[in-house]
Amino acid sequence: MQDRAAPTAAAPAHPPVYRLAGVTARHQGGTRAHALHDIALTVHAGEQIALIGPSGAGKTTLLATLACSHRPDTGTFEVFGTDPWTLNERERHKLRGRLFLAPQTPPLPPRQRVVTAVLAARLPQWSLWQALVSLVKPADPESAWRALSRFNLGDKLYARVDRLSGGERQRCGLARLLLSTGQALLVDEPLSALDPALSQLTLTTLQQEAAARNAALVCSLHQVDLALAYFPRIVALKDGRVAFDLPRERVTQAMIDELYLNEQPPANTPAPGDLPAKLAVGACL
């Protein structure tokens, strides 16, 4: 992989894409326990943020909250200057069309062809008739192929989803992101089933896409070394709280050790200044 210049954080836009203050949210599924406590976070257009922290820290719940699929209990929560939970269902659905959440395990129908699964990203833009016709004859297979090819999956265009490996299904879900119109891209653990080379390709592709559309990118990662190498801003969660929110240059090994005090970090996590040359490149372009 060639060395690249680190991404530059975008100048603050007004209003920000996200503004959270004092946000508390329960675990998904109706439990009484809180997964997030007193979260304060501001995200502007063009920012690229790695979300790190031990298992159970609240990363997935935070991403679901940012996607407006999980309602916080308390605090201020604004998306593009609006509290989505004061909108009616139709207005909130329209707002969600400006967001894209890629879960760790994408909800892909197993008997569906990959081309149809990827083109499902276009559903918010299509009429009901267009969506039904595309199930029989894919409306834009060329776009699906181009999106898949960016993740080295072009040869799987007409494969059935249930014939894909776990890593291929992950990348198929991410190909959907490329066909979305999201201005906030929320990605949950996209590398869990990928080898190192595909991991670097995947992060590069996500960052290129976010930069091309000046979208905010928030990506949760267990691979702390890649978070430090690729993302200019690191937000760390522990026990549902923000442990730190810093430019990567200010993240120290002592902070990482404290964050994972009772859990072994999933990857070696050298301090930013000690990163190998091919990883200490930070960016996408």
C-alpha atoms as a PDB file:
ATOM      1  CA  MET A   1       0.000   0.000   0.000  1.00  0.00           C
ATOM      2  CA  GLN A   2       1.346   3.391  -0.923  1.00  0.00           C
ATOM      3  CA  ASP A   3       1.836   6.045   1.703  1.00  0.00           C
ATOM      4  CA  ARG A   4      -0.757   8.785   1.697  1.00  0.00           C
ATOM      5  CA  ALA A   5      -1.185  12.120   3.357  1.00  0.00           C
ATOM      6  CA  ALA A   6      -3.324  12.201   6.473  1.00  0.00           C
ATOM      7  CA  PRO A   7      -6.922  13.405   6.034  1.00  0.00           C
ATOM      8  CA  THR A   8      -7.597  16.947   7.115  1.00  0.00           C
ATOM      9  CA  ALA A   9     -10.582  17.488   9.369  1.00  0.00           C
ATOM     10  CA  ALA A  10     -13.188  19.615   7.643  1.00  0.00           C
ATOM     11  CA  ALA A  11     -13.806  23.180   8.758  1.00  0.00           C
ATOM     12  CA  PRO A  12     -16.854  23.285  11.067  1.00  0.00           C
ATOM     13  CA  ALA A  13     -20.161  23.608   9.225  1.00  0.00           C
ATOM     14  CA  HIS A  14     -23.296  25.235  10.637  1.00  0.00           C
ATOM     15  CA  PRO A  15     -25.272  23.497  11.898  1.00  0.00           C
ATOM     16  CA  PRO A  16     -23.209  20.396  12.638  1.00  0.00           C
ATOM     17  CA  VAL A  17     -24.392  17.042  11.375  1.00  0.00           C
ATOM     18  CA  TYR A  18     -24.750  15.859  14.989  1.00  0.00           C
ATOM     19  CA  ARG A  19     -24.912  17.611  18.322  1.00  0.00           C
ATOM     20  CA  LEU A  20     -25.332  15.542  21.465  1.00  0.00           C
ATOM     21  CA  ALA A  21     -25.293  16.897  25.005  1.00  0.00           C
ATOM     22  CA  GLY A  22     -26.106  14.898  28.121  1.00  0.00           C
ATOM     23  CA  VAL A  23     -27.512  12.017  26.069  1.00  0.00           C
ATOM     24  CA  THR A  24     -28.486   8.892  27.969  1.00  0.00           C
ATOM     25  CA  ALA A  25     -29.891   5.807  26.220  1.00  0.00           C
ATOM     26  CA  ARG A  26     -30.918   2.321  27.258  1.00  0.00           C
ATOM     27  CA  HIS A  27     -29.720  -0.846  25.605  1.00  0.00           C
ATOM     28  CA  GLN A  28     -31.689  -1.803  22.518  1.00  0.00           C
ATOM     29  CA  GLY A  29     -34.360  -4.423  23.055  1.00  0.00           C
ATOM     30  CA  GLY A  30     -36.300  -2.731  25.832  1.00  0.00           C
ATOM     31  CA  THR A  31     -33.992  -3.467  28.765  1.00  0.00           C
ATOM     32  CA  ARG A  32     -33.916  -1.081  31.676  1.00  0.00           C
ATOM     33  CA  ALA A  33     -30.150  -0.860  31.834  1.00  0.00           C
ATOM     34  CA  HIS A  34     -28.525   2.174  30.270  1.00  0.00           C
ATOM     35  CA  ALA A  35     -25.905   1.671  27.571  1.00  0.00           C
ATOM     36  CA  LEU A  36     -24.990   5.355  27.218  1.00  0.00           C
ATOM     37  CA  HIS A  37     -24.502   7.920  29.975  1.00  0.00           C
ATOM     38  CA  ASP A  38     -24.187  11.696  29.600  1.00  0.00           C
ATOM     39  CA  ILE A  39     -22.779  11.578  26.052  1.00  0.00           C
ATOM     40  CA  ALA A  40     -21.518  14.878  24.629  1.00  0.00           C
ATOM     41  CA  LEU A  41     -20.464  14.777  20.979  1.00  0.00           C
ATOM     42  CA  THR A  42     -20.415  17.144  18.011  1.00  0.00           C
ATOM     43  CA  VAL A  43     -19.767  15.919  14.479  1.00  0.00           C
ATOM     44  CA  HIS A  44     -19.381  18.187  11.447  1.00  0.00           C
ATOM     45  CA  ALA A  45     -19.669  17.436   7.760  1.00  0.00           C
ATOM     46  CA  GLY A  46     -16.496  15.884   6.379  1.00  0.00           C
ATOM     47  CA  GLU A  47     -15.183  14.668   9.738  1.00  0.00           C
ATOM     48  CA  GLN A  48     -13.868  11.114   9.906  1.00  0.00           C
ATOM     49  CA  ILE A  49     -14.058   9.594  13.372  1.00  0.00           C
ATOM     50  CA  ALA A  50     -13.008   6.219  14.753  1.00  0.00           C
ATOM     51  CA  LEU A  51     -15.115   4.974  17.649  1.00  0.00           C
ATOM     52  CA  ILE A  52     -13.114   2.634  19.892  1.00  0.00           C
ATOM     53  CA  GLY A  53     -13.539   0.950  23.241  1.00  0.00           C
ATOM     54  CA  PRO A  54     -13.879  -2.479  24.866  1.00  0.00           C
ATOM     55  CA  SER A  55     -16.769  -4.830  24.158  1.00  0.00           C
ATOM     56  CA  GLY A  56     -19.965  -3.593  25.770  1.00  0.00           C
ATOM     57  CA  ALA A  57     -18.775   0.013  25.885  1.00  0.00           C
ATOM     58  CA  GLY A  58     -21.870   1.276  24.025  1.00  0.00           C
ATOM     59  CA  LYS A  59     -20.460   1.735  20.511  1.00  0.00           C
ATOM     60  CA  THR A  60     -23.278  -0.071  18.694  1.00  0.00           C
ATOM     61  CA  THR A  61     -25.941   1.700  20.757  1.00  0.00           C
ATOM     62  CA  LEU A  62     -24.356   5.069  19.964  1.00  0.00           C
ATOM     63  CA  LEU A  63     -24.334   4.305  16.234  1.00  0.00           C
ATOM     64  CA  ALA A  64     -27.986   3.229  16.361  1.00  0.00           C
ATOM     65  CA  THR A  65     -28.809   6.454  18.193  1.00  0.00           C
ATOM     66  CA  LEU A  66     -26.966   8.504  15.556  1.00  0.00           C
ATOM     67  CA  ALA A  67     -28.920   6.626  12.862  1.00  0.00           C
ATOM     68  CA  CYS A  68     -32.197   7.688  14.526  1.00  0.00           C
ATOM     69  CA  SER A  69     -33.199   4.055  14.924  1.00  0.00           C
ATOM     70  CA  HIS A  70     -32.834   4.163  18.708  1.00  0.00           C
ATOM     71  CA  ARG A  71     -34.373   6.945  20.784  1.00  0.00           C
ATOM     72  CA  PRO A  72     -32.345   8.427  23.635  1.00  0.00           C
ATOM     73  CA  ASP A  73     -33.979   8.776  27.043  1.00  0.00           C
ATOM     74  CA  THR A  74     -32.570  12.147  28.052  1.00  0.00           C
ATOM     75  CA  GLY A  75     -30.385  14.963  26.778  1.00  0.00           C
ATOM     76  CA  THR A  76     -30.124  17.059  23.639  1.00  0.00           C
ATOM     77  CA  PHE A  77     -29.893  15.150  20.375  1.00  0.00           C
ATOM     78  CA  GLU A  78     -29.875  17.047  17.075  1.00  0.00           C
ATOM     79  CA  VAL A  79     -29.308  15.849  13.508  1.00  0.00           C
ATOM     80  CA  PHE A  80     -28.741  18.605  10.933  1.00  0.00           C
ATOM     81  CA  GLY A  81     -30.009  21.072  13.527  1.00  0.00           C
ATOM     82  CA  THR A  82     -33.250  19.175  14.222  1.00  0.00           C
ATOM     83  CA  ASP A  83     -34.389  16.908  17.035  1.00  0.00           C
ATOM     84  CA  PRO A  84     -35.609  13.923  14.988  1.00  0.00           C
ATOM     85  CA  TRP A  85     -37.880  12.720  17.764  1.00  0.00           C
ATOM     86  CA  THR A  86     -40.003  15.869  17.586  1.00  0.00           C
ATOM     87  CA  LEU A  87     -40.785  15.164  13.906  1.00  0.00           C
ATOM     88  CA  ASN A  88     -43.709  13.133  12.673  1.00  0.00           C
ATOM     89  CA  GLU A  89     -42.985   9.670  11.238  1.00  0.00           C
ATOM     90  CA  ARG A  90     -42.950  10.855   7.629  1.00  0.00           C
ATOM     91  CA  GLU A  91     -40.514  13.702   8.357  1.00  0.00           C
ATOM     92  CA  ARG A  92     -38.284  11.409  10.431  1.00  0.00           C
ATOM     93  CA  HIS A  93     -38.235   8.842   7.622  1.00  0.00           C
ATOM     94  CA  LYS A  94     -37.120  11.578   5.230  1.00  0.00           C
ATOM     95  CA  LEU A  95     -34.379  12.621   7.653  1.00  0.00           C
ATOM     96  CA  ARG A  96     -33.184   9.010   7.942  1.00  0.00           C
ATOM     97  CA  GLY A  97     -32.718   9.061   4.174  1.00  0.00           C
ATOM     98  CA  ARG A  98     -29.791  11.425   4.768  1.00  0.00           C
ATOM     99  CA  LEU A  99     -28.143   8.858   7.075  1.00  0.00           C
ATOM    100  CA  PHE A 100     -26.726   5.414   6.351  1.00  0.00           C
ATOM    101  CA  LEU A 101     -26.015   2.777   8.994  1.00  0.00           C
ATOM    102  CA  ALA A 102     -23.944  -0.255   7.977  1.00  0.00           C
ATOM    103  CA  PRO A 103     -24.329  -2.823  10.793  1.00  0.00           C
ATOM    104  CA  GLN A 104     -21.652  -5.390  11.543  1.00  0.00           C
ATOM    105  CA  THR A 105     -23.963  -8.135  10.254  1.00  0.00           C
ATOM    106  CA  PRO A 106     -25.876  -6.656   7.312  1.00  0.00           C
ATOM    107  CA  PRO A 107     -29.527  -7.756   6.991  1.00  0.00           C
ATOM    108  CA  LEU A 108     -29.202  -9.420   3.582  1.00  0.00           C
ATOM    109  CA  PRO A 109     -31.964 -11.874   2.523  1.00  0.00           C
ATOM    110  CA  PRO A 110     -30.137 -15.205   2.075  1.00  0.00           C
ATOM    111  CA  ARG A 111     -31.937 -16.277  -1.129  1.00  0.00           C
ATOM    112  CA  GLN A 112     -31.505 -12.900  -2.788  1.00  0.00           C
ATOM    113  CA  ARG A 113     -28.969 -12.197  -5.514  1.00  0.00           C
ATOM    114  CA  VAL A 114     -26.132  -9.904  -4.498  1.00  0.00           C
ATOM    115  CA  VAL A 115     -27.072  -7.374  -7.196  1.00  0.00           C
ATOM    116  CA  THR A 116     -30.572  -7.038  -5.721  1.00  0.00           C
ATOM    117  CA  ALA A 117     -29.258  -6.816  -2.160  1.00  0.00           C
ATOM    118  CA  VAL A 118     -26.873  -3.993  -3.079  1.00  0.00           C
ATOM    119  CA  LEU A 119     -29.456  -2.081  -5.110  1.00  0.00           C
ATOM    120  CA  ALA A 120     -31.694  -2.096  -2.022  1.00  0.00           C
ATOM    121  CA  ALA A 121     -29.724   1.005  -1.003  1.00  0.00           C
ATOM    122  CA  ARG A 122     -31.749   2.833  -3.669  1.00  0.00           C
ATOM    123  CA  LEU A 123     -35.116   1.962  -2.099  1.00  0.00           C
ATOM    124  CA  PRO A 124     -35.543   5.353  -0.374  1.00  0.00           C
ATOM    125  CA  GLN A 125     -35.178   6.999  -3.815  1.00  0.00           C
ATOM    126  CA  TRP A 126     -37.549   4.669  -5.681  1.00  0.00           C
ATOM    127  CA  SER A 127     -41.298   4.421  -5.969  1.00  0.00           C
ATOM    128  CA  LEU A 128     -42.971   1.201  -4.861  1.00  0.00           C
ATOM    129  CA  TRP A 129     -43.353   0.205  -8.515  1.00  0.00           C
ATOM    130  CA  GLN A 130     -39.657   0.719  -9.247  1.00  0.00           C
ATOM    131  CA  ALA A 131     -38.723  -1.353  -6.208  1.00  0.00           C
ATOM    132  CA  LEU A 132     -40.997  -4.237  -7.235  1.00  0.00           C
ATOM    133  CA  VAL A 133     -39.751  -4.227 -10.830  1.00  0.00           C
ATOM    134  CA  SER A 134     -36.124  -4.248  -9.650  1.00  0.00           C
ATOM    135  CA  LEU A 135     -36.774  -7.465  -7.717  1.00  0.00           C
ATOM    136  CA  VAL A 136     -37.488  -9.177 -11.041  1.00  0.00           C
ATOM    137  CA  LYS A 137     -35.034  -7.299 -13.247  1.00  0.00           C
ATOM    138  CA  PRO A 138     -32.344  -5.294 -11.408  1.00  0.00           C
ATOM    139  CA  ALA A 139     -32.750  -1.638 -12.339  1.00  0.00           C
ATOM    140  CA  ASP A 140     -29.089  -0.627 -12.452  1.00  0.00           C
ATOM    141  CA  PRO A 141     -26.747  -3.623 -12.300  1.00  0.00           C
ATOM    142  CA  GLU A 142     -23.813  -1.548 -13.602  1.00  0.00           C
ATOM    143  CA  SER A 143     -23.892   0.677 -10.513  1.00  0.00           C
ATOM    144  CA  ALA A 144     -24.079  -2.372  -8.242  1.00  0.00           C
ATOM    145  CA  TRP A 145     -21.107  -3.925 -10.036  1.00  0.00           C
ATOM    146  CA  ARG A 146     -19.029  -0.751  -9.688  1.00  0.00           C
ATOM    147  CA  ALA A 147     -19.814  -0.559  -5.963  1.00  0.00           C
ATOM    148  CA  LEU A 148     -18.945  -4.217  -5.434  1.00  0.00           C
ATOM    149  CA  SER A 149     -15.747  -3.886  -7.459  1.00  0.00           C
ATOM    150  CA  ARG A 150     -14.442  -1.231  -5.093  1.00  0.00           C
ATOM    151  CA  PHE A 151     -14.486  -3.949  -2.411  1.00  0.00           C
ATOM    152  CA  ASN A 152     -13.054  -6.645  -4.728  1.00  0.00           C
ATOM    153  CA  LEU A 153     -16.474  -8.299  -5.095  1.00  0.00           C
ATOM    154  CA  GLY A 154     -17.349  -7.550  -8.721  1.00  0.00           C
ATOM    155  CA  ASP A 155     -17.359 -11.258  -9.577  1.00  0.00           C
ATOM    156  CA  LYS A 156     -20.144 -11.888  -7.030  1.00  0.00           C
ATOM    157  CA  LEU A 157     -22.732  -9.661  -8.739  1.00  0.00           C
ATOM    158  CA  TYR A 158     -25.190 -12.459  -9.500  1.00  0.00           C
ATOM    159  CA  ALA A 159     -24.225 -14.838  -6.695  1.00  0.00           C
ATOM    160  CA  ARG A 160     -26.777 -15.708  -4.035  1.00  0.00           C
ATOM    161  CA  VAL A 161     -26.222 -14.050  -0.683  1.00  0.00           C
ATOM    162  CA  ASP A 162     -26.229 -17.379   1.151  1.00  0.00           C
ATOM    163  CA  ARG A 163     -23.266 -18.514  -0.948  1.00  0.00           C
ATOM    164  CA  LEU A 164     -21.070 -15.671   0.325  1.00  0.00           C
ATOM    165  CA  SER A 165     -18.540 -15.962   3.131  1.00  0.00           C
ATOM    166  CA  GLY A 166     -18.918 -13.820   6.243  1.00  0.00           C
ATOM    167  CA  GLY A 167     -16.369 -11.301   4.978  1.00  0.00           C
ATOM    168  CA  GLU A 168     -18.037 -11.150   1.564  1.00  0.00           C
ATOM    169  CA  ARG A 169     -21.405 -10.454   3.187  1.00  0.00           C
ATOM    170  CA  GLN A 170     -19.813  -7.650   5.198  1.00  0.00           C
ATOM    171  CA  ARG A 171     -18.405  -6.066   2.045  1.00  0.00           C
ATOM    172  CA  CYS A 172     -21.693  -6.573   0.219  1.00  0.00           C
ATOM    173  CA  GLY A 173     -23.377  -4.555   2.970  1.00  0.00           C
ATOM    174  CA  LEU A 174     -20.747  -1.845   2.607  1.00  0.00           C
ATOM    175  CA  ALA A 175     -21.298  -1.732  -1.166  1.00  0.00           C
ATOM    176  CA  ARG A 176     -24.827  -0.607  -0.319  1.00  0.00           C
ATOM    177  CA  LEU A 177     -23.309   2.399   1.386  1.00  0.00           C
ATOM    178  CA  LEU A 178     -21.692   3.481  -1.900  1.00  0.00           C
ATOM    179  CA  LEU A 179     -25.107   3.555  -3.595  1.00  0.00           C
ATOM    180  CA  SER A 180     -26.782   5.453  -0.785  1.00  0.00           C
ATOM    181  CA  THR A 181     -27.193   9.208  -0.620  1.00  0.00           C
ATOM    182  CA  GLY A 182     -26.194   9.387   3.034  1.00  0.00           C
ATOM    183  CA  GLN A 183     -24.551  12.540   4.340  1.00  0.00           C
ATOM    184  CA  ALA A 184     -23.669  10.754   7.573  1.00  0.00           C
ATOM    185  CA  LEU A 185     -22.091   7.318   7.159  1.00  0.00           C
ATOM    186  CA  LEU A 186     -22.242   5.158  10.286  1.00  0.00           C
ATOM    187  CA  VAL A 187     -20.291   1.910  10.110  1.00  0.00           C
ATOM    188  CA  ASP A 188     -20.217  -0.736  12.840  1.00  0.00           C
ATOM    189  CA  GLU A 189     -17.153  -3.020  12.969  1.00  0.00           C
ATOM    190  CA  PRO A 190     -16.617  -3.378   9.199  1.00  0.00           C
ATOM    191  CA  LEU A 191     -13.382  -5.389   9.543  1.00  0.00           C
ATOM    192  CA  SER A 192     -14.358  -8.207  11.892  1.00  0.00           C
ATOM    193  CA  ALA A 193     -14.278 -10.888   9.154  1.00  0.00           C
ATOM    194  CA  LEU A 194     -11.562  -9.419   6.909  1.00  0.00           C
ATOM    195  CA  ASP A 195      -7.853 -10.106   6.489  1.00  0.00           C
ATOM    196  CA  PRO A 196      -5.324  -7.237   6.801  1.00  0.00           C
ATOM    197  CA  ALA A 197      -5.189  -6.420   3.076  1.00  0.00           C
ATOM    198  CA  LEU A 198      -8.987  -6.292   2.729  1.00  0.00           C
ATOM    199  CA  SER A 199      -9.204  -4.306   5.969  1.00  0.00           C
ATOM    200  CA  GLN A 200      -6.974  -1.585   4.543  1.00  0.00           C
ATOM    201  CA  LEU A 201      -8.866  -1.605   1.224  1.00  0.00           C
ATOM    202  CA  THR A 202     -12.168  -1.310   3.066  1.00  0.00           C
ATOM    203  CA  LEU A 203     -11.117   1.632   5.243  1.00  0.00           C
ATOM    204  CA  THR A 204      -9.582   3.410   2.262  1.00  0.00           C
ATOM    205  CA  THR A 205     -12.761   2.964   0.211  1.00  0.00           C
ATOM    206  CA  LEU A 206     -15.004   4.189   3.024  1.00  0.00           C
ATOM    207  CA  GLN A 207     -12.849   7.242   3.585  1.00  0.00           C
ATOM    208  CA  GLN A 208     -12.650   8.051  -0.110  1.00  0.00           C
ATOM    209  CA  GLU A 209     -16.420   7.875  -0.417  1.00  0.00           C
ATOM    210  CA  ALA A 210     -16.990  10.045   2.657  1.00  0.00           C
ATOM    211  CA  ALA A 211     -14.494  12.630   1.390  1.00  0.00           C
ATOM    212  CA  ALA A 212     -16.029  12.667  -2.095  1.00  0.00           C
ATOM    213  CA  ARG A 213     -19.464  13.600  -0.749  1.00  0.00           C
ATOM    214  CA  ASN A 214     -18.173  15.640   2.249  1.00  0.00           C
ATOM    215  CA  ALA A 215     -20.090  13.272   4.496  1.00  0.00           C
ATOM    216  CA  ALA A 216     -19.435  12.649   8.163  1.00  0.00           C
ATOM    217  CA  LEU A 217     -17.973   9.185   8.756  1.00  0.00           C
ATOM    218  CA  VAL A 218     -18.220   7.511  12.162  1.00  0.00           C
ATOM    219  CA  CYS A 219     -16.715   4.029  12.195  1.00  0.00           C
ATOM    220  CA  SER A 220     -16.488   1.726  15.215  1.00  0.00           C
ATOM    221  CA  LEU A 221     -13.375  -0.426  15.253  1.00  0.00           C
ATOM    222  CA  HIS A 222     -11.840  -3.085  17.484  1.00  0.00           C
ATOM    223  CA  GLN A 223      -8.531  -2.719  15.607  1.00  0.00           C
ATOM    224  CA  VAL A 224      -7.039   0.179  17.557  1.00  0.00           C
ATOM    225  CA  ASP A 225      -3.886   0.265  15.443  1.00  0.00           C
ATOM    226  CA  LEU A 226      -5.957   0.873  12.296  1.00  0.00           C
ATOM    227  CA  ALA A 227      -8.101   3.466  14.072  1.00  0.00           C
ATOM    228  CA  LEU A 228      -4.966   5.417  14.953  1.00  0.00           C
ATOM    229  CA  ALA A 229      -3.487   4.969  11.499  1.00  0.00           C
ATOM    230  CA  TYR A 230      -6.500   5.966   9.443  1.00  0.00           C
ATOM    231  CA  PHE A 231      -8.647   8.385  11.450  1.00  0.00           C
ATOM    232  CA  PRO A 232      -7.744  11.934  12.476  1.00  0.00           C
ATOM    233  CA  ARG A 233     -10.189  11.961  15.411  1.00  0.00           C
ATOM    234  CA  ILE A 234     -10.592   9.219  17.997  1.00  0.00           C
ATOM    235  CA  VAL A 235     -13.636   8.942  20.255  1.00  0.00           C
ATOM    236  CA  ALA A 236     -13.260   6.306  22.977  1.00  0.00           C
ATOM    237  CA  LEU A 237     -16.151   4.854  24.956  1.00  0.00           C
ATOM    238  CA  LYS A 238     -15.930   2.925  28.208  1.00  0.00           C
ATOM    239  CA  ASP A 239     -18.867   1.826  30.350  1.00  0.00           C
ATOM    240  CA  GLY A 240     -21.184   3.901  28.190  1.00  0.00           C
ATOM    241  CA  ARG A 241     -19.296   7.158  28.702  1.00  0.00           C
ATOM    242  CA  VAL A 242     -16.864   9.137  26.563  1.00  0.00           C
ATOM    243  CA  ALA A 243     -13.440   8.293  27.958  1.00  0.00           C
ATOM    244  CA  PHE A 244     -11.702  10.705  25.588  1.00  0.00           C
ATOM    245  CA  ASP A 245     -12.371  12.564  22.333  1.00  0.00           C
ATOM    246  CA  LEU A 246      -9.067  13.695  20.841  1.00  0.00           C
ATOM    247  CA  PRO A 247      -7.046  14.166  17.656  1.00  0.00           C
ATOM    248  CA  ARG A 248      -5.072  10.965  17.188  1.00  0.00           C
ATOM    249  CA  GLU A 249      -1.768  12.796  17.754  1.00  0.00           C
ATOM    250  CA  ARG A 250      -2.833  13.373  21.361  1.00  0.00           C
ATOM    251  CA  VAL A 251      -3.842   9.769  22.060  1.00  0.00           C
ATOM    252  CA  THR A 252      -1.159   8.097  24.166  1.00  0.00           C
ATOM    253  CA  GLN A 253      -0.408   4.464  24.865  1.00  0.00           C
ATOM    254  CA  ALA A 254      -1.296   5.107  28.514  1.00  0.00           C
ATOM    255  CA  MET A 255      -4.797   6.185  27.430  1.00  0.00           C
ATOM    256  CA  ILE A 256      -5.213   3.030  25.348  1.00  0.00           C
ATOM    257  CA  ASP A 257      -3.979   0.869  28.240  1.00  0.00           C
ATOM    258  CA  GLU A 258      -6.458   2.508  30.609  1.00  0.00           C
ATOM    259  CA  LEU A 259      -9.300   2.137  28.109  1.00  0.00           C
ATOM    260  CA  TYR A 260      -8.702  -1.613  27.792  1.00  0.00           C
ATOM    261  CA  LEU A 261      -7.594  -2.113  31.391  1.00  0.00           C
ATOM    262  CA  ASN A 262      -9.700  -5.250  31.913  1.00  0.00           C
ATOM    263  CA  GLU A 263      -9.745  -6.396  28.312  1.00  0.00           C
ATOM    264  CA  GLN A 264      -6.913  -7.315  25.967  1.00  0.00           C
ATOM    265  CA  PRO A 265      -6.971  -4.941  22.965  1.00  0.00           C
ATOM    266  CA  PRO A 266      -7.733  -6.940  19.809  1.00  0.00           C
ATOM    267  CA  ALA A 267      -4.639  -5.686  17.993  1.00  0.00           C
ATOM    268  CA  ASN A 268      -1.239  -4.319  18.879  1.00  0.00           C
ATOM    269  CA  THR A 269      -1.732  -0.652  19.561  1.00  0.00           C
ATOM    270  CA  PRO A 270       1.512   1.260  19.207  1.00  0.00           C
ATOM    271  CA  ALA A 271       1.496   4.933  19.981  1.00  0.00           C
ATOM    272  CA  PRO A 272       0.836   7.074  16.885  1.00  0.00           C
ATOM    273  CA  GLY A 273       4.480   8.053  16.533  1.00  0.00           C
ATOM    274  CA  ASP A 274       5.525   4.381  16.551  1.00  0.00           C
ATOM    275  CA  LEU A 275       3.160   3.221  13.790  1.00  0.00           C
ATOM    276  CA  PRO A 276       4.745   1.375  10.869  1.00  0.00           C
ATOM    277  CA  ALA A 277       5.228   3.536   7.787  1.00  0.00           C
ATOM    278  CA  LYS A 278       2.507   1.744   5.824  1.00  0.00           C
ATOM    279  CA  LEU A 279      -0.010   2.308   8.614  1.00  0.00           C
ATOM    280  CA  ALA A 280       0.978   5.765   9.821  1.00  0.00           C
ATOM    281  CA  VAL A 281      -0.640   7.228   6.755  1.00  0.00           C
ATOM    282  CA  GLY A 282      -3.981   8.033   8.192  1.00  0.00           C
ATOM    283  CA  ALA A 283      -5.933   8.797   5.199  1.00  0.00           C
ATOM    284  CA  CYS A 284      -7.838   7.954   2.259  1.00  0.00           C
ATOM    285  CA  LEU A 285      -6.571  10.121  -0.542  1.00  0.00           C
END
